[in-house]
Amino acid sequence: MDKTKTKRIRQPLFEKPKVERTLEIVTIPELCKGTSCKICLTFCKNEVLALSTDELNRHGNYFVKVVAEEKCDECLDCYRHCPEFAIFLRKKRPTKSRKVIEKPHEKK
């Protein structure tokens, strides 16, 4: 059997096409009830969120952190179900590339 590479005509069902994410997840630790709530963790099917294990907010609760943003499919379930509005999604901010401006040579 010849083991040359062949072009795929169709994509297999189990492979998802890579889509550029347009939103980023933002959490507000001070509003999050974390350990006493966990509603967003329950509704997140892709395990994007997790409780912090080393930090507490001012109320003494472990709060929700974004662990794997690349797994997010932007379903907005975490945002819709958070009773404290401690999590939301916003448009990703473009990274600004800074131009280096060279100083003209000084004439003496």
N, C-alpha and C. Protein backbone atom coordinates (compact mmCIF):
# COMPACT_ATOMS: atom_id res chain seq x y z
N MET A 1 0.83 -1.18 0.00
CA MET A 1 0.00 0.00 0.00
C MET A 1 0.88 1.25 0.00
N ASP A 2 0.59 2.17 -0.86
CA ASP A 2 1.37 3.39 -1.00
C ASP A 2 1.02 4.36 0.13
N LYS A 3 2.04 4.84 0.85
CA LYS A 3 1.80 5.73 1.98
C LYS A 3 2.07 7.18 1.64
N THR A 4 1.72 7.60 0.48
CA THR A 4 1.89 9.00 0.11
C THR A 4 0.77 9.83 0.71
N LYS A 5 1.05 11.07 0.96
CA LYS A 5 0.04 11.94 1.54
C LYS A 5 -0.99 12.32 0.49
N THR A 6 -2.24 12.24 0.89
CA THR A 6 -3.32 12.63 -0.01
C THR A 6 -4.08 13.79 0.58
N LYS A 7 -4.65 14.59 -0.28
CA LYS A 7 -5.44 15.72 0.18
C LYS A 7 -6.80 15.24 0.66
N ARG A 8 -7.25 15.81 1.73
CA ARG A 8 -8.58 15.48 2.22
C ARG A 8 -9.62 16.28 1.44
N ILE A 9 -10.63 15.59 1.01
CA ILE A 9 -11.70 16.26 0.31
C ILE A 9 -12.71 16.82 1.31
N ARG A 10 -12.99 16.06 2.35
CA ARG A 10 -13.93 16.49 3.39
C ARG A 10 -13.24 16.49 4.74
N GLN A 11 -13.77 17.30 5.63
CA GLN A 11 -13.28 17.31 7.00
C GLN A 11 -13.98 16.21 7.79
N PRO A 12 -13.28 15.46 8.60
CA PRO A 12 -13.95 14.47 9.44
C PRO A 12 -14.90 15.15 10.42
N LEU A 13 -15.89 14.42 10.87
CA LEU A 13 -16.88 14.98 11.77
C LEU A 13 -16.32 15.39 13.11
N PHE A 14 -15.30 14.69 13.59
CA PHE A 14 -14.79 14.95 14.93
C PHE A 14 -13.79 16.09 14.99
N GLU A 15 -13.32 16.61 13.88
CA GLU A 15 -12.40 17.74 13.89
C GLU A 15 -13.18 19.03 13.74
N LYS A 16 -12.93 19.97 14.65
CA LYS A 16 -13.59 21.27 14.56
C LYS A 16 -12.69 22.23 13.81
N PRO A 17 -13.24 23.01 12.90
CA PRO A 17 -12.41 24.00 12.22
C PRO A 17 -11.99 25.08 13.21
N LYS A 18 -10.78 25.57 13.06
CA LYS A 18 -10.29 26.60 13.97
C LYS A 18 -10.97 27.92 13.64
N VAL A 19 -11.58 28.50 14.66
CA VAL A 19 -12.28 29.76 14.50
C VAL A 19 -11.59 30.77 15.39
N GLU A 20 -11.32 31.93 14.86
CA GLU A 20 -10.69 32.97 15.66
C GLU A 20 -11.70 33.52 16.66
N ARG A 21 -11.33 33.50 17.91
CA ARG A 21 -12.21 33.96 18.97
C ARG A 21 -12.28 35.49 18.95
N THR A 22 -13.49 36.01 19.08
CA THR A 22 -13.67 37.46 19.04
C THR A 22 -13.92 38.04 20.42
N LEU A 23 -14.19 37.18 21.41
CA LEU A 23 -14.48 37.66 22.76
C LEU A 23 -13.45 37.13 23.74
N GLU A 24 -13.25 37.88 24.81
CA GLU A 24 -12.41 37.41 25.90
C GLU A 24 -13.23 37.39 27.18
N ILE A 25 -12.91 36.47 28.08
CA ILE A 25 -13.65 36.32 29.32
C ILE A 25 -13.01 37.19 30.39
N VAL A 26 -13.84 37.95 31.09
CA VAL A 26 -13.36 38.82 32.15
C VAL A 26 -14.11 38.46 33.43
N THR A 27 -13.37 38.24 34.51
CA THR A 27 -14.00 37.98 35.80
C THR A 27 -13.66 39.10 36.76
N ILE A 28 -14.59 39.39 37.66
CA ILE A 28 -14.37 40.40 38.69
C ILE A 28 -14.33 39.66 40.03
N PRO A 29 -13.14 39.42 40.56
CA PRO A 29 -13.01 38.61 41.77
C PRO A 29 -13.77 39.17 42.97
N GLU A 30 -13.85 40.47 43.09
CA GLU A 30 -14.51 41.07 44.26
C GLU A 30 -16.02 40.84 44.27
N LEU A 31 -16.62 40.61 43.12
CA LEU A 31 -18.06 40.36 43.06
C LEU A 31 -18.40 38.87 43.16
N CYS A 32 -17.43 38.02 42.89
CA CYS A 32 -17.67 36.58 42.80
C CYS A 32 -17.86 35.95 44.18
N LYS A 33 -18.92 35.13 44.31
CA LYS A 33 -19.16 34.39 45.55
C LYS A 33 -18.43 33.05 45.55
N GLY A 34 -17.94 32.66 44.41
CA GLY A 34 -17.07 31.50 44.27
C GLY A 34 -17.50 30.23 44.95
N THR A 35 -16.93 29.95 46.11
CA THR A 35 -17.14 28.68 46.79
C THR A 35 -18.59 28.46 47.20
N SER A 36 -19.35 29.51 47.45
CA SER A 36 -20.74 29.33 47.86
C SER A 36 -21.70 29.31 46.67
N CYS A 37 -21.23 29.58 45.48
CA CYS A 37 -22.12 29.69 44.32
C CYS A 37 -21.82 28.61 43.27
N LYS A 38 -20.74 28.74 42.55
CA LYS A 38 -20.27 27.82 41.51
C LYS A 38 -21.26 27.60 40.36
N ILE A 39 -22.16 28.53 40.12
CA ILE A 39 -23.14 28.37 39.04
C ILE A 39 -22.45 28.40 37.68
N CYS A 40 -21.52 29.32 37.49
CA CYS A 40 -20.83 29.42 36.20
C CYS A 40 -20.01 28.16 35.92
N LEU A 41 -19.43 27.56 36.97
CA LEU A 41 -18.67 26.32 36.79
C LEU A 41 -19.58 25.18 36.36
N THR A 42 -20.79 25.18 36.87
CA THR A 42 -21.75 24.14 36.52
C THR A 42 -22.18 24.24 35.06
N PHE A 43 -22.37 25.46 34.58
CA PHE A 43 -22.87 25.64 33.22
C PHE A 43 -21.78 25.63 32.15
N CYS A 44 -20.53 25.81 32.53
CA CYS A 44 -19.44 25.80 31.55
C CYS A 44 -19.11 24.37 31.16
N LYS A 45 -19.49 24.00 29.94
CA LYS A 45 -19.32 22.61 29.49
C LYS A 45 -17.90 22.31 29.03
N ASN A 46 -17.10 23.34 28.78
CA ASN A 46 -15.75 23.13 28.26
C ASN A 46 -14.65 23.27 29.32
N GLU A 47 -15.05 23.43 30.56
CA GLU A 47 -14.09 23.57 31.67
C GLU A 47 -13.10 24.70 31.45
N VAL A 48 -13.63 25.84 31.06
CA VAL A 48 -12.82 27.03 30.83
C VAL A 48 -12.51 27.71 32.17
N LEU A 49 -13.42 27.60 33.12
CA LEU A 49 -13.31 28.27 34.41
C LEU A 49 -12.96 27.29 35.51
N ALA A 50 -12.31 27.81 36.56
CA ALA A 50 -11.99 27.00 37.74
C ALA A 50 -11.90 27.93 38.94
N LEU A 51 -12.07 27.36 40.13
CA LEU A 51 -11.93 28.15 41.35
C LEU A 51 -10.46 28.37 41.65
N SER A 52 -10.14 29.55 42.13
CA SER A 52 -8.76 29.82 42.54
C SER A 52 -8.48 29.01 43.80
N THR A 53 -7.30 28.49 43.90
CA THR A 53 -6.96 27.68 45.07
C THR A 53 -6.00 28.39 46.00
N ASP A 54 -5.45 29.51 45.55
CA ASP A 54 -4.44 30.19 46.35
C ASP A 54 -4.81 31.61 46.77
N GLU A 55 -5.87 32.17 46.18
CA GLU A 55 -6.24 33.55 46.48
C GLU A 55 -7.68 33.62 46.98
N LEU A 56 -7.92 34.58 47.86
CA LEU A 56 -9.27 34.85 48.35
C LEU A 56 -9.63 36.29 47.98
N ASN A 57 -10.93 36.54 47.77
CA ASN A 57 -11.34 37.93 47.56
C ASN A 57 -11.62 38.59 48.90
N ARG A 58 -12.08 39.81 48.90
CA ARG A 58 -12.24 40.55 50.16
C ARG A 58 -13.33 39.97 51.06
N HIS A 59 -14.21 39.13 50.50
CA HIS A 59 -15.25 38.49 51.30
C HIS A 59 -14.80 37.16 51.89
N GLY A 60 -13.58 36.76 51.58
CA GLY A 60 -13.03 35.52 52.09
C GLY A 60 -13.42 34.30 51.28
N ASN A 61 -13.84 34.48 50.03
CA ASN A 61 -14.23 33.37 49.17
C ASN A 61 -13.17 33.13 48.10
N TYR A 62 -13.00 31.87 47.74
CA TYR A 62 -12.23 31.57 46.54
C TYR A 62 -13.08 32.01 45.36
N PHE A 63 -12.47 32.59 44.37
CA PHE A 63 -13.23 33.13 43.25
C PHE A 63 -12.91 32.38 41.96
N VAL A 64 -13.72 32.62 40.94
CA VAL A 64 -13.58 31.94 39.66
C VAL A 64 -12.50 32.62 38.82
N LYS A 65 -11.66 31.80 38.21
CA LYS A 65 -10.61 32.28 37.32
C LYS A 65 -10.78 31.63 35.95
N VAL A 66 -10.26 32.29 34.94
CA VAL A 66 -10.23 31.71 33.59
C VAL A 66 -8.97 30.84 33.50
N VAL A 67 -9.18 29.57 33.20
CA VAL A 67 -8.07 28.62 33.16
C VAL A 67 -7.64 28.32 31.72
N ALA A 68 -8.63 28.09 30.85
CA ALA A 68 -8.32 27.70 29.48
C ALA A 68 -9.22 28.46 28.51
N GLU A 69 -8.85 29.70 28.24
CA GLU A 69 -9.69 30.55 27.39
C GLU A 69 -9.78 30.03 25.96
N GLU A 70 -8.77 29.29 25.52
CA GLU A 70 -8.80 28.77 24.16
C GLU A 70 -9.88 27.70 23.96
N LYS A 71 -10.38 27.11 25.04
CA LYS A 71 -11.45 26.11 24.94
C LYS A 71 -12.83 26.74 24.86
N CYS A 72 -12.93 28.03 25.13
CA CYS A 72 -14.22 28.71 25.18
C CYS A 72 -14.87 28.75 23.80
N ASP A 73 -16.15 28.37 23.73
CA ASP A 73 -16.87 28.43 22.46
C ASP A 73 -17.85 29.60 22.42
N GLU A 74 -17.71 30.52 23.35
CA GLU A 74 -18.49 31.76 23.41
C GLU A 74 -20.00 31.52 23.45
N CYS A 75 -20.40 30.55 24.27
CA CYS A 75 -21.83 30.24 24.38
C CYS A 75 -22.56 31.20 25.33
N LEU A 76 -21.81 31.95 26.16
CA LEU A 76 -22.34 32.94 27.09
C LEU A 76 -23.13 32.36 28.26
N ASP A 77 -23.07 31.06 28.50
CA ASP A 77 -23.80 30.46 29.61
C ASP A 77 -23.29 30.96 30.96
N CYS A 78 -22.00 31.14 31.10
CA CYS A 78 -21.45 31.65 32.36
C CYS A 78 -21.96 33.06 32.64
N TYR A 79 -21.99 33.87 31.62
CA TYR A 79 -22.45 35.25 31.74
C TYR A 79 -23.94 35.31 32.08
N ARG A 80 -24.73 34.51 31.42
CA ARG A 80 -26.18 34.54 31.62
C ARG A 80 -26.60 34.07 33.01
N HIS A 81 -25.87 33.13 33.59
CA HIS A 81 -26.30 32.53 34.84
C HIS A 81 -25.63 33.08 36.09
N CYS A 82 -24.65 33.95 35.96
CA CYS A 82 -23.98 34.51 37.14
C CYS A 82 -24.91 35.49 37.84
N PRO A 83 -25.31 35.19 39.09
CA PRO A 83 -26.24 36.07 39.80
C PRO A 83 -25.61 37.38 40.25
N GLU A 84 -24.30 37.42 40.34
CA GLU A 84 -23.60 38.61 40.84
C GLU A 84 -23.00 39.47 39.72
N PHE A 85 -23.17 39.06 38.47
CA PHE A 85 -22.59 39.76 37.31
C PHE A 85 -21.07 39.89 37.46
N ALA A 86 -20.45 38.84 37.97
CA ALA A 86 -19.01 38.85 38.20
C ALA A 86 -18.22 38.33 37.00
N ILE A 87 -18.91 37.90 35.97
CA ILE A 87 -18.23 37.39 34.79
C ILE A 87 -18.94 37.92 33.55
N PHE A 88 -18.15 38.33 32.58
CA PHE A 88 -18.73 38.81 31.33
C PHE A 88 -17.73 38.60 30.20
N LEU A 89 -18.21 38.74 29.00
CA LEU A 89 -17.36 38.61 27.83
C LEU A 89 -17.35 39.93 27.09
N ARG A 90 -16.19 40.32 26.62
CA ARG A 90 -16.08 41.55 25.85
C ARG A 90 -15.23 41.30 24.61
N LYS A 91 -15.32 42.23 23.68
CA LYS A 91 -14.53 42.09 22.46
C LYS A 91 -13.06 42.15 22.81
N LYS A 92 -12.30 41.29 22.15
CA LYS A 92 -10.86 41.30 22.38
C LYS A 92 -10.28 42.61 21.92
N ARG A 93 -9.39 43.12 22.70
CA ARG A 93 -8.70 44.36 22.33
C ARG A 93 -7.51 44.02 21.45
N PRO A 94 -7.37 44.74 20.36
CA PRO A 94 -6.23 44.44 19.50
C PRO A 94 -4.92 44.81 20.20
N THR A 95 -3.93 44.00 19.98
CA THR A 95 -2.63 44.31 20.56
C THR A 95 -1.98 45.39 19.72
N LYS A 96 -1.55 46.42 20.39
CA LYS A 96 -0.95 47.54 19.67
C LYS A 96 0.53 47.27 19.45
N SER A 97 0.94 47.40 18.23
CA SER A 97 2.37 47.26 17.95
C SER A 97 2.96 48.67 17.94
N ARG A 98 3.97 48.84 18.71
CA ARG A 98 4.59 50.15 18.82
C ARG A 98 5.67 50.31 17.76
N LYS A 99 5.64 51.44 17.12
CA LYS A 99 6.65 51.72 16.12
C LYS A 99 7.82 52.41 16.82
N VAL A 100 8.98 51.97 16.46
CA VAL A 100 10.18 52.58 17.01
C VAL A 100 10.56 53.74 16.10
N ILE A 101 10.58 54.91 16.67
CA ILE A 101 10.94 56.10 15.91
C ILE A 101 12.40 56.42 16.19
N GLU A 102 13.13 56.38 15.15
CA GLU A 102 14.55 56.67 15.30
C GLU A 102 14.76 58.17 15.27
N LYS A 103 15.63 58.63 16.15
CA LYS A 103 15.92 60.07 16.19
C LYS A 103 16.88 60.39 15.05
N PRO A 104 16.60 61.51 14.38
CA PRO A 104 17.56 61.90 13.33
C PRO A 104 18.91 62.25 13.96
N HIS A 105 19.92 62.04 13.22
CA HIS A 105 21.25 62.34 13.74
C HIS A 105 21.37 63.82 14.04
N GLU A 106 21.89 64.08 15.18
CA GLU A 106 22.06 65.48 15.58
C GLU A 106 23.28 66.06 14.86
N LYS A 107 23.10 67.26 14.34
CA LYS A 107 24.22 67.92 13.66
C LYS A 107 24.85 68.90 14.63
N LYS A 108 26.14 68.88 14.70
CA LYS A 108 26.85 69.80 15.60
C LYS A 108 27.53 70.88 14.85
